[in-house]
């Protein structure tokens, strides 16, 4: 069988993408967002916040050992996980909102994969040169000293960035200055080294080697976004009705059109229609980090980073044509622009039923979380009746129930708490291990306290199956009170 008769391959090896450097307003916006997001990520663990002697002084800390989350002046306890759940729901709704209004604007500007890939590409361009120089180096078959030096330098800087990324992540889960010293002195927990190693590897591979493949094959959002977008969603698009037909030889074409006009006067056939504004320079393709041609229409790979807009605007300026051949627009704009009507106001694209619904839901959850945050008490308790056994009969016939009461002191100082009960029945309470009913709970911590509730031998509570009971806790410093309802189990079945 000859080579020409062989079956075509169903797999094509990936061709690396080397985006060309571009300048413009959207590229500048991406630089700003990159600096802000990376700055927040790397700097936040080092911000200090004085909470008192009994609490950590790190502004943002996920304290897994004590099962708490600190965010500046806010402290989230384990039983308040609904705050974290609410924030995750808000993040999801926010993603739906921005995608519905502006397409994949999250992917193009603030997604961590995009931010770190941009950073790795900037390092690569700084070391190896712009697109043409990188292509020459990539196609060079021989690994000479220069190519080895450039690759080694690039990979070394990428590795440093990846290590810093993994290192910054673990600082959110422990005191950053202390953990930094422990990492260098090899005294840190093995879990810290494993986490840093895993995040270093994934950052290096995803941001430096895989790049657009993560967005195309690994990320589920390109497949989901179709449900979030409609004909009024603003996204990056090519004005085909203005740019087609394409052509590079504009002067030759203009001369041919002039000659055709003269020939038409003598009854000869007309020449082709004048060329559009697109000169087929491929500038939009060369700057695309996903390696696609926006002129082919909307594609799954497009992350709407708008670098093609900057590249096309620059070319339009050079050839004396108006900007906007590639721009942010909605599908409904096409009919208006083709017929010469004025463009649809941008607010009509953004403010429509879907986006308004997302905004209302997002704002409602946010307001609810704020209200819950400011009205939550500094004192709380949970009550768990001991069920094995449900009650104990004392030597004098007294019926006793046992309860585990967990007290939470959210203040920055030790507080004395008094435990009492109220009930319609004649019940008495005793607190294990203390004289009286007062216990001291350490600052910003919880304490599990056992409480006994007793009913006299011949009382109604002792002879009843269940009796309603309320356990109270009072802060003797602030006079704040909290309570939980439970039941008292008698001997009746």
Protein backbone atom coordinates (compact mmCIF):
# COMPACT_ATOMS: atom_id res chain seq x y z
CA UNK A 1 0.00 0.00 0.00
CA UNK A 2 1.40 3.35 -0.99
CA UNK A 3 1.62 6.30 1.37
CA UNK A 4 -1.18 8.04 -0.53
CA UNK A 5 -3.49 5.05 0.09
CA UNK A 6 -3.03 5.10 3.89
CA UNK A 7 -6.09 5.97 5.99
CA UNK A 8 -6.02 9.52 7.35
CA UNK A 9 -5.14 9.90 11.03
CA UNK A 10 -8.00 10.76 13.37
CA UNK A 11 -5.61 12.46 15.78
CA UNK A 12 -3.51 15.53 15.13
CA UNK A 13 -0.78 16.46 17.56
CA UNK A 14 -1.22 19.81 19.27
CA UNK A 15 0.50 22.71 17.59
CA UNK A 16 1.77 25.13 20.27
CA UNK A 17 0.26 28.60 20.17
CA UNK A 18 2.52 31.63 20.41
CA UNK A 19 0.34 34.76 20.67
CA UNK A 20 1.74 37.94 19.22
CA UNK A 21 2.25 40.96 21.45
CA UNK A 22 -0.54 43.51 21.13
CA UNK A 23 -1.24 46.90 22.69
CA UNK A 24 -4.62 48.46 23.31
CA UNK A 25 -7.28 49.24 25.87
CA UNK A 26 -8.35 45.63 26.43
CA UNK A 27 -4.77 44.43 26.73
CA UNK A 28 -4.15 47.20 29.27
CA UNK A 29 -7.28 46.16 31.15
CA UNK A 30 -6.02 42.59 31.28
CA UNK A 31 -2.66 43.77 32.63
CA UNK A 32 -4.41 45.72 35.39
CA UNK A 33 -6.66 42.83 36.35
CA UNK A 34 -3.68 40.46 36.35
CA UNK A 35 -1.69 42.71 38.69
CA UNK A 36 -4.65 43.20 41.02
CA UNK A 37 -5.66 39.54 41.22
CA UNK A 38 -2.12 38.23 41.61
CA UNK A 39 -1.39 40.94 44.17
CA UNK A 40 -4.46 40.00 46.20
CA UNK A 41 -3.59 36.31 46.04
CA UNK A 42 0.07 36.65 47.05
CA UNK A 43 -0.23 39.52 49.57
CA UNK A 44 -3.44 38.69 51.48
CA UNK A 45 -1.95 36.01 53.81
CA UNK A 46 0.61 38.53 55.06
CA UNK A 47 -1.91 41.17 56.16
CA UNK A 48 -2.10 41.36 59.95
CA UNK A 49 -5.29 41.98 61.97
CA UNK A 50 -5.24 42.43 65.75
CA UNK A 51 -7.95 40.30 67.36
CA UNK A 52 -6.53 40.12 70.87
CA UNK A 53 -4.08 37.81 72.66
CA UNK A 54 -6.22 34.67 72.35
CA UNK A 55 -6.81 34.84 68.60
CA UNK A 56 -4.63 34.68 65.46
CA UNK A 57 -3.55 38.03 64.02
CA UNK A 58 -3.75 36.98 60.36
CA UNK A 59 -6.42 38.94 58.48
CA UNK A 60 -7.57 36.00 56.32
CA UNK A 61 -7.11 32.56 57.79
CA UNK A 62 -8.79 29.18 57.34
CA UNK A 63 -8.11 27.66 60.76
CA UNK A 64 -8.79 23.98 60.11
CA UNK A 65 -7.42 22.89 63.49
CA UNK A 66 -10.04 24.93 65.34
CA UNK A 67 -12.62 24.68 62.53
CA UNK A 68 -13.00 28.41 62.03
CA UNK A 69 -12.60 30.94 59.24
CA UNK A 70 -11.28 34.46 59.88
CA UNK A 71 -11.82 37.28 57.42
CA UNK A 72 -10.64 40.59 58.87
CA UNK A 73 -13.22 41.41 61.57
CA UNK A 74 -15.52 38.51 60.65
CA UNK A 75 -15.20 35.11 62.33
CA UNK A 76 -17.15 32.13 60.98
CA UNK A 77 -17.72 29.17 63.29
CA UNK A 78 -18.47 25.58 62.20
CA UNK A 79 -22.20 25.90 62.87
CA UNK A 80 -22.24 29.04 60.70
CA UNK A 81 -21.15 27.28 57.52
CA UNK A 82 -24.26 28.63 55.85
CA UNK A 83 -22.29 31.86 55.35
CA UNK A 84 -19.75 29.99 53.19
CA UNK A 85 -22.55 28.20 51.37
CA UNK A 86 -24.26 31.53 50.72
CA UNK A 87 -21.06 33.03 49.32
CA UNK A 88 -20.61 30.06 46.99
CA UNK A 89 -24.18 30.45 45.76
CA UNK A 90 -23.56 34.17 45.19
CA UNK A 91 -20.41 33.33 43.24
CA UNK A 92 -22.38 30.95 41.02
CA UNK A 93 -25.17 33.46 40.43
CA UNK A 94 -22.59 36.15 39.72
CA UNK A 95 -21.01 33.93 37.10
CA UNK A 96 -24.44 33.32 35.55
CA UNK A 97 -25.16 37.06 35.58
CA UNK A 98 -21.92 38.14 33.92
CA UNK A 99 -22.09 35.34 31.36
CA UNK A 100 -25.68 36.23 30.46
CA UNK A 101 -24.80 39.92 30.08
CA UNK A 102 -21.23 39.88 28.74
CA UNK A 103 -20.48 36.32 27.64
CA UNK A 104 -17.35 34.62 28.93
CA UNK A 105 -15.96 37.78 30.47
CA UNK A 106 -14.91 35.77 33.56
CA UNK A 107 -12.88 33.40 31.38
CA UNK A 108 -11.22 36.20 29.45
CA UNK A 109 -10.14 38.38 32.35
CA UNK A 110 -10.31 36.89 35.86
CA UNK A 111 -10.24 33.09 35.62
CA UNK A 112 -7.10 31.81 37.42
CA UNK A 113 -6.20 29.72 34.38
CA UNK A 114 -6.30 32.84 32.19
CA UNK A 115 -4.39 35.00 34.68
CA UNK A 116 -1.54 32.55 35.22
CA UNK A 117 -1.38 31.63 31.54
CA UNK A 118 -1.05 35.32 30.69
CA UNK A 119 1.77 35.59 33.20
CA UNK A 120 3.57 32.56 31.80
CA UNK A 121 3.16 33.84 28.23
CA UNK A 122 4.58 37.24 29.27
CA UNK A 123 7.64 35.50 30.75
CA UNK A 124 8.05 33.38 27.63
CA UNK A 125 7.83 36.43 25.36
CA UNK A 126 10.29 38.34 27.54
CA UNK A 127 12.87 35.55 27.26
CA UNK A 128 12.37 34.15 23.75
CA UNK A 129 11.02 37.19 21.92
CA UNK A 130 7.72 37.86 20.19
CA UNK A 131 5.71 35.41 18.11
CA UNK A 132 8.00 35.14 15.07
CA UNK A 133 11.10 34.58 17.21
CA UNK A 134 9.27 31.92 19.23
CA UNK A 135 8.10 30.15 16.08
CA UNK A 136 11.63 30.07 14.71
CA UNK A 137 12.92 28.67 17.98
CA UNK A 138 10.15 26.07 18.12
CA UNK A 139 10.76 24.92 14.53
CA UNK A 140 14.49 24.73 15.02
CA UNK A 141 15.22 20.98 15.00
CA UNK A 142 18.62 21.17 16.65
CA UNK A 143 18.95 21.79 20.40
CA UNK A 144 21.95 24.12 20.34
CA UNK A 145 23.38 26.05 23.28
CA UNK A 146 21.18 29.10 22.68
CA UNK A 147 17.94 27.14 22.54
CA UNK A 148 18.92 25.16 25.63
CA UNK A 149 19.78 28.34 27.52
CA UNK A 150 16.49 30.05 26.60
CA UNK A 151 14.39 27.00 27.49
CA UNK A 152 16.21 26.47 30.78
CA UNK A 153 15.76 30.12 31.74
CA UNK A 154 12.08 30.07 30.84
CA UNK A 155 11.33 26.85 32.70
CA UNK A 156 13.26 28.05 35.74
CA UNK A 157 11.20 31.24 36.02
CA UNK A 158 8.00 29.28 35.41
CA UNK A 159 8.98 26.93 38.20
CA UNK A 160 9.62 29.83 40.60
CA UNK A 161 6.19 31.26 39.81
CA UNK A 162 4.59 27.85 40.32
CA UNK A 163 6.34 27.35 43.67
CA UNK A 164 5.26 30.81 44.81
CA UNK A 165 1.70 29.98 43.78
CA UNK A 166 1.62 26.74 45.77
CA UNK A 167 3.39 28.36 48.69
CA UNK A 168 0.95 31.26 48.83
CA UNK A 169 -1.99 28.86 48.98
CA UNK A 170 -0.81 27.03 52.12
CA UNK A 171 -0.27 30.37 53.88
CA UNK A 172 -4.04 30.79 53.98
CA UNK A 173 -4.29 27.77 56.33
CA UNK A 174 -1.64 28.66 58.91
CA UNK A 175 0.18 31.68 60.29
CA UNK A 176 2.11 32.82 57.21
CA UNK A 177 5.39 34.07 58.82
CA UNK A 178 5.63 30.99 61.07
CA UNK A 179 4.86 28.57 58.24
CA UNK A 180 7.39 30.25 55.93
CA UNK A 181 10.18 29.65 58.44
CA UNK A 182 9.03 26.08 59.00
CA UNK A 183 9.00 25.38 55.26
CA UNK A 184 12.62 26.51 54.87
CA UNK A 185 13.82 24.76 58.05
CA UNK A 186 12.00 21.54 57.05
CA UNK A 187 9.90 21.66 60.21
CA UNK A 188 6.53 22.11 58.51
CA UNK A 189 3.81 19.49 58.46
CA UNK A 190 4.25 16.99 55.60
CA UNK A 191 0.82 17.99 54.33
CA UNK A 192 2.16 21.48 53.63
CA UNK A 193 4.97 20.14 51.45
CA UNK A 194 2.60 17.81 49.60
CA UNK A 195 0.17 20.68 48.94
CA UNK A 196 2.92 22.97 47.70
CA UNK A 197 4.28 20.22 45.43
CA UNK A 198 0.88 19.42 43.93
CA UNK A 199 -0.02 23.07 43.29
CA UNK A 200 3.44 23.74 41.88
CA UNK A 201 3.06 20.88 39.42
CA UNK A 202 -0.46 21.83 38.35
CA UNK A 203 0.41 25.51 37.96
CA UNK A 204 3.48 24.71 35.87
CA UNK A 205 1.66 22.21 33.64
CA UNK A 206 -1.65 24.08 33.27
CA UNK A 207 -0.24 27.59 32.87
CA UNK A 208 2.97 26.81 31.02
CA UNK A 209 2.41 23.66 28.97
CA UNK A 210 -1.30 22.93 28.50
CA UNK A 211 -2.61 26.52 28.38
CA UNK A 212 -5.61 26.65 26.04
CA UNK A 213 -6.13 22.89 26.29
CA UNK A 214 -7.37 23.31 29.87
CA UNK A 215 -10.07 25.71 28.66
CA UNK A 216 -11.05 23.59 25.67
CA UNK A 217 -10.97 20.06 27.07
CA UNK A 218 -10.87 20.18 30.88
CA UNK A 219 -13.10 23.11 31.83
CA UNK A 220 -16.85 22.40 31.76
CA UNK A 221 -17.88 26.05 31.52
CA UNK A 222 -17.64 26.39 27.70
CA UNK A 223 -20.32 23.69 27.45
CA UNK A 224 -22.51 25.25 30.14
CA UNK A 225 -22.30 28.82 28.92
CA UNK A 226 -24.71 28.18 26.03
CA UNK A 227 -27.54 27.90 28.55
CA UNK A 228 -26.59 31.29 30.01
CA UNK A 229 -26.35 33.21 26.73
CA UNK A 230 -28.97 34.40 24.24
CA UNK A 231 -29.18 36.72 21.25
CA UNK A 232 -28.83 39.79 23.52
CA UNK A 233 -25.63 38.64 25.21
CA UNK A 234 -22.75 40.97 24.43
CA UNK A 235 -19.69 39.09 23.20
CA UNK A 236 -16.74 39.50 20.85
CA UNK A 237 -17.80 39.20 17.21
CA UNK A 238 -16.63 40.00 13.67
CA UNK A 239 -18.77 42.35 11.56
CA UNK A 240 -18.82 40.12 8.51
CA UNK A 241 -21.16 42.42 6.58
CA UNK A 242 -18.55 45.15 6.78
CA UNK A 243 -15.37 43.11 6.36
CA UNK A 244 -16.29 40.80 3.48
CA UNK A 245 -15.10 40.09 0.91
CA UNK A 246 -11.56 40.12 2.22
CA UNK A 247 -8.54 41.08 0.22
CA UNK A 248 -4.99 42.38 0.61
CA UNK A 249 -4.31 44.14 -2.69
CA UNK A 250 -6.53 47.11 -2.10
CA UNK A 251 -4.71 49.47 -4.51
CA UNK A 252 -4.72 46.91 -7.33
CA UNK A 253 -8.37 46.20 -6.70
CA UNK A 254 -9.23 49.88 -6.74
CA UNK A 255 -7.43 50.30 -10.08
CA UNK A 256 -9.24 47.24 -11.46
CA UNK A 257 -12.57 48.64 -10.27
CA UNK A 258 -11.84 51.93 -12.03
CA UNK A 259 -10.95 50.11 -15.26
CA UNK A 260 -14.07 47.99 -14.89
CA UNK A 261 -16.17 51.11 -14.62
CA UNK A 262 -14.73 52.34 -17.91
CA UNK A 263 -15.26 48.95 -19.52
CA UNK A 264 -18.87 48.87 -18.37
CA UNK A 265 -19.53 52.04 -20.28
CA UNK A 266 -18.70 50.11 -23.49
CA UNK A 267 -21.01 47.21 -22.60
CA UNK A 268 -18.39 44.86 -21.11
CA UNK A 269 -19.22 42.66 -18.01
CA UNK A 270 -18.97 44.12 -14.50
CA UNK A 271 -15.99 43.30 -12.27
CA UNK A 272 -16.28 41.80 -8.78
CA UNK A 273 -17.75 43.87 -5.95
CA UNK A 274 -15.38 46.11 -3.97
CA UNK A 275 -13.48 44.50 -1.13
CA UNK A 276 -14.59 44.87 2.47
CA UNK A 277 -12.59 46.48 5.28
CA UNK A 278 -10.86 43.22 6.27
CA UNK A 279 -7.48 43.00 4.53
CA UNK A 280 -6.97 39.38 5.66
CA UNK A 281 -3.84 40.25 7.60
CA UNK A 282 -4.53 37.58 10.26
CA UNK A 283 -3.60 40.00 13.04
CA UNK A 284 -6.66 38.86 15.02
CA UNK A 285 -5.55 35.23 14.68
CA UNK A 286 -1.93 35.89 15.61
CA UNK A 287 -2.79 37.56 18.94
CA UNK A 288 -5.42 35.02 20.02
CA UNK A 289 -4.24 32.92 23.00
CA UNK A 290 -6.69 30.19 21.95
CA UNK A 291 -5.40 30.07 18.36
CA UNK A 292 -8.82 30.59 16.71
CA UNK A 293 -10.08 32.89 13.96
CA UNK A 294 -12.88 35.09 15.30
CA UNK A 295 -13.98 35.70 11.71
CA UNK A 296 -15.31 32.14 11.63
CA UNK A 297 -18.06 33.10 14.07
CA UNK A 298 -18.75 32.14 17.68
CA UNK A 299 -16.69 29.17 18.82
CA UNK A 300 -16.45 27.10 21.96
CA UNK A 301 -12.77 27.99 22.31
CA UNK A 302 -13.32 31.78 22.40
CA UNK A 303 -12.85 33.24 25.90
CA UNK A 304 -13.80 36.81 24.81
CA UNK A 305 -10.49 38.26 25.98
CA UNK A 306 -10.88 40.97 23.27
CA UNK A 307 -7.21 40.95 22.24
CA UNK A 308 -8.41 40.49 18.66
CA UNK A 309 -10.27 43.79 19.00
CA UNK A 310 -7.06 45.60 19.91
CA UNK A 311 -5.18 43.98 17.02
CA UNK A 312 -7.90 44.76 14.48
CA UNK A 313 -8.34 48.36 15.67
CA UNK A 314 -4.62 48.91 15.22
CA UNK A 315 -4.80 47.67 11.62
CA UNK A 316 -7.89 49.78 10.89
CA UNK A 317 -6.01 52.85 12.12
CA UNK A 318 -3.13 52.07 9.77
CA UNK A 319 -5.29 51.70 6.66
CA UNK A 320 -7.53 54.65 7.49
CA UNK A 321 -10.69 52.67 8.21
CA UNK A 322 -13.02 53.15 11.19
CA UNK A 323 -12.47 50.94 14.21
CA UNK A 324 -14.93 48.26 15.26
CA UNK A 325 -14.56 45.66 12.52
CA UNK A 326 -14.19 43.29 15.48
CA UNK A 327 -15.89 44.42 18.65
CA UNK A 328 -18.20 43.66 21.51
CA UNK A 329 -21.74 43.26 20.21
CA UNK A 330 -24.89 41.13 20.44
CA UNK A 331 -26.52 39.06 17.73
CA UNK A 332 -29.48 41.43 17.68
CA UNK A 333 -27.12 44.24 16.65
CA UNK A 334 -26.46 42.57 13.31
CA UNK A 335 -29.88 43.25 11.78
CA UNK A 336 -29.76 46.89 12.86
CA UNK A 337 -26.26 47.51 11.52
CA UNK A 338 -26.86 45.72 8.22
CA UNK A 339 -29.83 47.98 7.49
CA UNK A 340 -28.06 51.12 8.65
CA UNK A 341 -30.20 51.60 11.77
CA UNK A 342 -28.68 53.13 14.91
CA UNK A 343 -27.16 50.58 17.31
CA UNK A 344 -29.24 49.21 20.16
CA UNK A 345 -28.34 50.96 23.45
CA UNK A 346 -26.08 48.79 25.57
CA UNK A 347 -28.36 49.08 28.60
CA UNK A 348 -31.10 47.27 26.66
CA UNK A 349 -28.75 44.34 26.16
CA UNK A 350 -27.74 44.22 29.81
CA UNK A 351 -31.03 44.97 31.56
CA UNK A 352 -33.40 42.25 30.42
CA UNK A 353 -35.52 39.73 32.36
CA UNK A 354 -32.81 37.10 32.72
CA UNK A 355 -30.13 39.44 34.04
CA UNK A 356 -32.61 41.26 36.28
CA UNK A 357 -33.66 37.91 37.80
CA UNK A 358 -30.03 36.93 38.45
CA UNK A 359 -29.35 40.35 39.98
CA UNK A 360 -32.37 40.15 42.28
CA UNK A 361 -31.41 36.66 43.46
CA UNK A 362 -27.78 37.64 43.91
CA UNK A 363 -28.66 40.80 45.83
CA UNK A 364 -31.29 39.03 47.95
CA UNK A 365 -28.83 36.38 49.09
CA UNK A 366 -26.21 39.05 49.80
CA UNK A 367 -28.60 41.13 51.89
CA UNK A 368 -29.73 38.02 53.74
CA UNK A 369 -26.14 37.11 54.60
CA UNK A 370 -25.39 40.63 55.81
CA UNK A 371 -28.46 40.66 58.03
CA UNK A 372 -27.58 37.25 59.45
CA UNK A 373 -24.01 38.41 60.04
CA UNK A 374 -24.97 41.48 62.04
CA UNK A 375 -27.78 39.92 64.08
CA UNK A 376 -25.98 36.72 65.09
CA UNK A 377 -25.44 36.52 68.87
CA UNK A 378 -22.06 36.40 70.60
CA UNK A 379 -23.42 33.68 72.88
CA UNK A 380 -24.95 30.43 71.67
CA UNK A 381 -25.45 26.86 72.78
CA UNK A 382 -26.50 23.46 71.53
CA UNK A 383 -28.18 20.79 73.64
CA UNK A 384 -27.87 17.05 73.04
CA UNK A 385 -29.83 14.75 75.42
CA UNK A 386 -27.95 11.59 76.38
CA UNK A 387 -30.09 8.70 75.09
CA UNK A 388 -28.29 5.73 76.61
CA UNK A 389 -30.04 5.49 78.96
CA UNK A 390 -32.85 7.99 78.45
CA UNK A 391 -33.24 8.39 82.22
CA UNK A 392 -31.77 7.07 85.46
CA UNK A 393 -33.70 6.25 88.66
CA UNK A 394 -31.76 7.38 91.72
CA UNK A 395 -31.77 5.55 95.08
CA UNK A 396 -34.46 7.87 96.48
CA UNK A 397 -36.68 7.44 93.38
CA UNK A 398 -35.63 10.70 91.71
CA UNK A 399 -35.67 10.57 87.88
CA UNK A 400 -32.58 12.08 86.29
CA UNK A 401 -31.89 13.02 82.66
CA UNK A 402 -28.44 13.90 81.33
CA UNK A 403 -27.70 16.55 78.70
CA UNK A 404 -24.51 17.57 76.91
CA UNK A 405 -24.59 21.35 76.54
CA UNK A 406 -22.03 22.94 74.22
CA UNK A 407 -21.41 26.60 75.11
CA UNK A 408 -19.87 29.04 72.63
CA UNK A 409 -18.09 32.15 73.83
CA UNK A 410 -17.38 34.39 70.84
CA UNK A 411 -15.81 37.16 72.92
CA UNK A 412 -12.08 37.79 73.14
CA UNK A 413 -12.02 37.18 76.92
CA UNK A 414 -13.07 34.46 79.34
CA UNK A 415 -16.74 34.72 80.31
CA UNK A 416 -18.75 33.21 83.21
CA UNK A 417 -21.97 31.58 82.02
CA UNK A 418 -24.84 30.58 84.30
CA UNK A 419 -26.97 27.59 83.29
CA UNK A 420 -30.60 27.43 84.40
CA UNK A 421 -33.80 25.69 83.30
CA UNK A 422 -37.45 26.61 82.98
CA UNK A 423 -40.41 24.25 82.76
CA UNK A 424 -44.02 23.96 83.83
CA UNK A 425 -43.05 20.92 85.87
CA UNK A 426 -41.04 20.82 89.10
CA UNK A 427 -37.55 20.19 87.76
CA UNK A 428 -34.13 21.01 89.16
CA UNK A 429 -30.76 21.30 87.41
CA UNK A 430 -27.19 20.55 88.45
CA UNK A 431 -24.00 21.29 86.52
CA UNK A 432 -21.31 18.65 86.64
CA UNK A 433 -17.96 19.58 88.16
CA UNK A 434 -18.82 23.05 89.53
CA UNK A 435 -20.36 24.50 92.68
CA UNK A 436 -23.61 26.15 91.67
CA UNK A 437 -24.65 26.55 88.07
CA UNK A 438 -21.89 28.87 86.78
CA UNK A 439 -19.13 27.72 84.42
CA UNK A 440 -16.31 29.70 82.82
CA UNK A 441 -15.83 29.39 79.07
CA UNK A 442 -12.41 30.41 77.67
CA UNK A 443 -12.15 33.29 75.23
CA UNK A 444 -13.31 32.62 71.68
CA UNK A 445 -13.85 28.93 72.21
CA UNK A 446 -16.44 26.28 72.99
CA UNK A 447 -16.90 24.17 76.06
CA UNK A 448 -18.84 20.92 76.40
CA UNK A 449 -20.60 20.87 79.75
CA UNK A 450 -22.68 18.03 81.20
CA UNK A 451 -25.93 19.09 82.90
CA UNK A 452 -28.27 16.91 84.99
CA UNK A 453 -31.99 17.62 85.25
CA UNK A 454 -33.96 15.86 88.00
CA UNK A 455 -37.65 15.33 88.83
CA UNK A 456 -38.88 14.40 92.36
CA UNK A 457 -40.07 10.77 92.74
CA UNK A 458 -43.81 11.41 92.84
CA UNK A 459 -43.94 14.46 90.53
CA UNK A 460 -45.87 14.68 87.29
CA UNK A 461 -42.62 14.96 85.30
CA UNK A 462 -41.31 11.71 86.79
CA UNK A 463 -44.49 9.84 85.90
CA UNK A 464 -44.97 11.38 82.42
CA UNK A 465 -43.45 10.08 79.20
CA UNK A 466 -42.04 13.48 78.16
CA UNK A 467 -42.07 16.97 79.64
CA UNK A 468 -41.16 20.14 77.80
CA UNK A 469 -38.00 21.79 79.07
CA UNK A 470 -35.96 24.87 78.17
CA UNK A 471 -32.28 25.20 79.07
CA UNK A 472 -31.00 28.78 79.47
CA UNK A 473 -27.47 30.18 79.43
CA UNK A 474 -26.76 33.70 80.68
CA UNK A 475 -23.55 35.70 80.18
CA UNK A 476 -22.95 37.23 83.60
CA UNK A 477 -20.83 40.03 82.10
CA UNK A 478 -23.09 41.28 79.30
CA UNK A 479 -26.40 39.84 80.63
CA UNK A 480 -26.94 38.31 77.18
CA UNK A 481 -29.08 35.16 77.22
CA UNK A 482 -29.64 32.20 74.92
CA UNK A 483 -31.84 29.13 75.19
CA UNK A 484 -32.67 25.79 73.60
CA UNK A 485 -35.86 23.75 73.92
CA UNK A 486 -35.63 20.04 74.68
CA UNK A 487 -37.63 17.37 76.56
CA UNK A 488 -37.39 15.54 79.88
CA UNK A 489 -38.01 11.79 79.77
CA UNK A 490 -40.01 10.24 82.61
CA UNK A 491 -40.58 6.59 83.56
CA UNK A 492 -44.01 6.30 81.88
CA UNK A 493 -43.97 4.36 78.60
